[in-house]
Amino acid sequence: MFGAFGVDFAVFVCRLWIKSLRVRVHAPEGYGPGILGVWHRDLLACGAAFRGMGVHALVSESHDGEFLARTLTRLGYTVTRGSDTRGSLNVRHLLKTLRSGGFVGMALDGPRGPALEVKPGSPWLSKASGRPLWLVNARYGAHFTLHTWDNFVVPLPMSSIDIEIKYFCIENSENRKEVQP
C-alpha cells in the first residue's frame, strides 16, 4: 500500500499525533513491573501513555503490525513481533524482560479478537514469570471510534486520555470473557 517513504512519513505523523495527547495515568498502590494488558481498541492511547518507559511490546506480524512496530520503536519501546497464537514462541522472549524487572505490553484480546475476550498469552506469561498482569483501561476526551472488529478508538490530536491501571486477577480470566470496562 505505502512505499518505504510513505510508511516512514505516516509513522512520523503518528508519532507527532501521539505526542500531542494529554495522558494521565492512575496506578494503584503496589503497581510495579509486570505485564500491561491492554485491549486492542486502546493501542494508540496506551502507546502514548507508556512511551519512553522502556516497555517491551508484543506486536502482531501483520501488515498493520509493521506500522505499529515502527511507531512504537520510535516512541522508545522494544518490540518483539508475534502473537500468542501465531508465533507463540515469541511470547517466551518477553520472559527475559520480565525476569530482569521490566514491563511488557500486549493486547489481551490479541490481533484478531474477539474483542474484549482474553486470549491465553498474557495470563500464561504472568504465571510463567511470576509477575503481575495489569489491566489497562482508557477513558477518552475527544475521539472517534472505527467500525472494526475491536471498535478501535482514535483520540483526536491534543485531546485528553485517562489511563486507569488495575490488578488483573488471572483466576477471573478462566472463562476468557472480561466485562466491558
Foldseek 3Di string as FASTA:
>chain_A
DDDPVRLVVVLVVLLVQLQQEAEAEAEDPPDFAAEEEEWPLCLSVVLSVCFPVAEEEEFEPDPVSVSVCVNSVVRRYHYFYAKCVGPVVSLVVCLVQRLVGHYYYYYQQIDAGQTQFGDPSRLVSCVVNVGFYKYKDKDWDAWAFDPDSHRRIGHGGNTYMYIYIDTDDSVVCPVRHDPDD
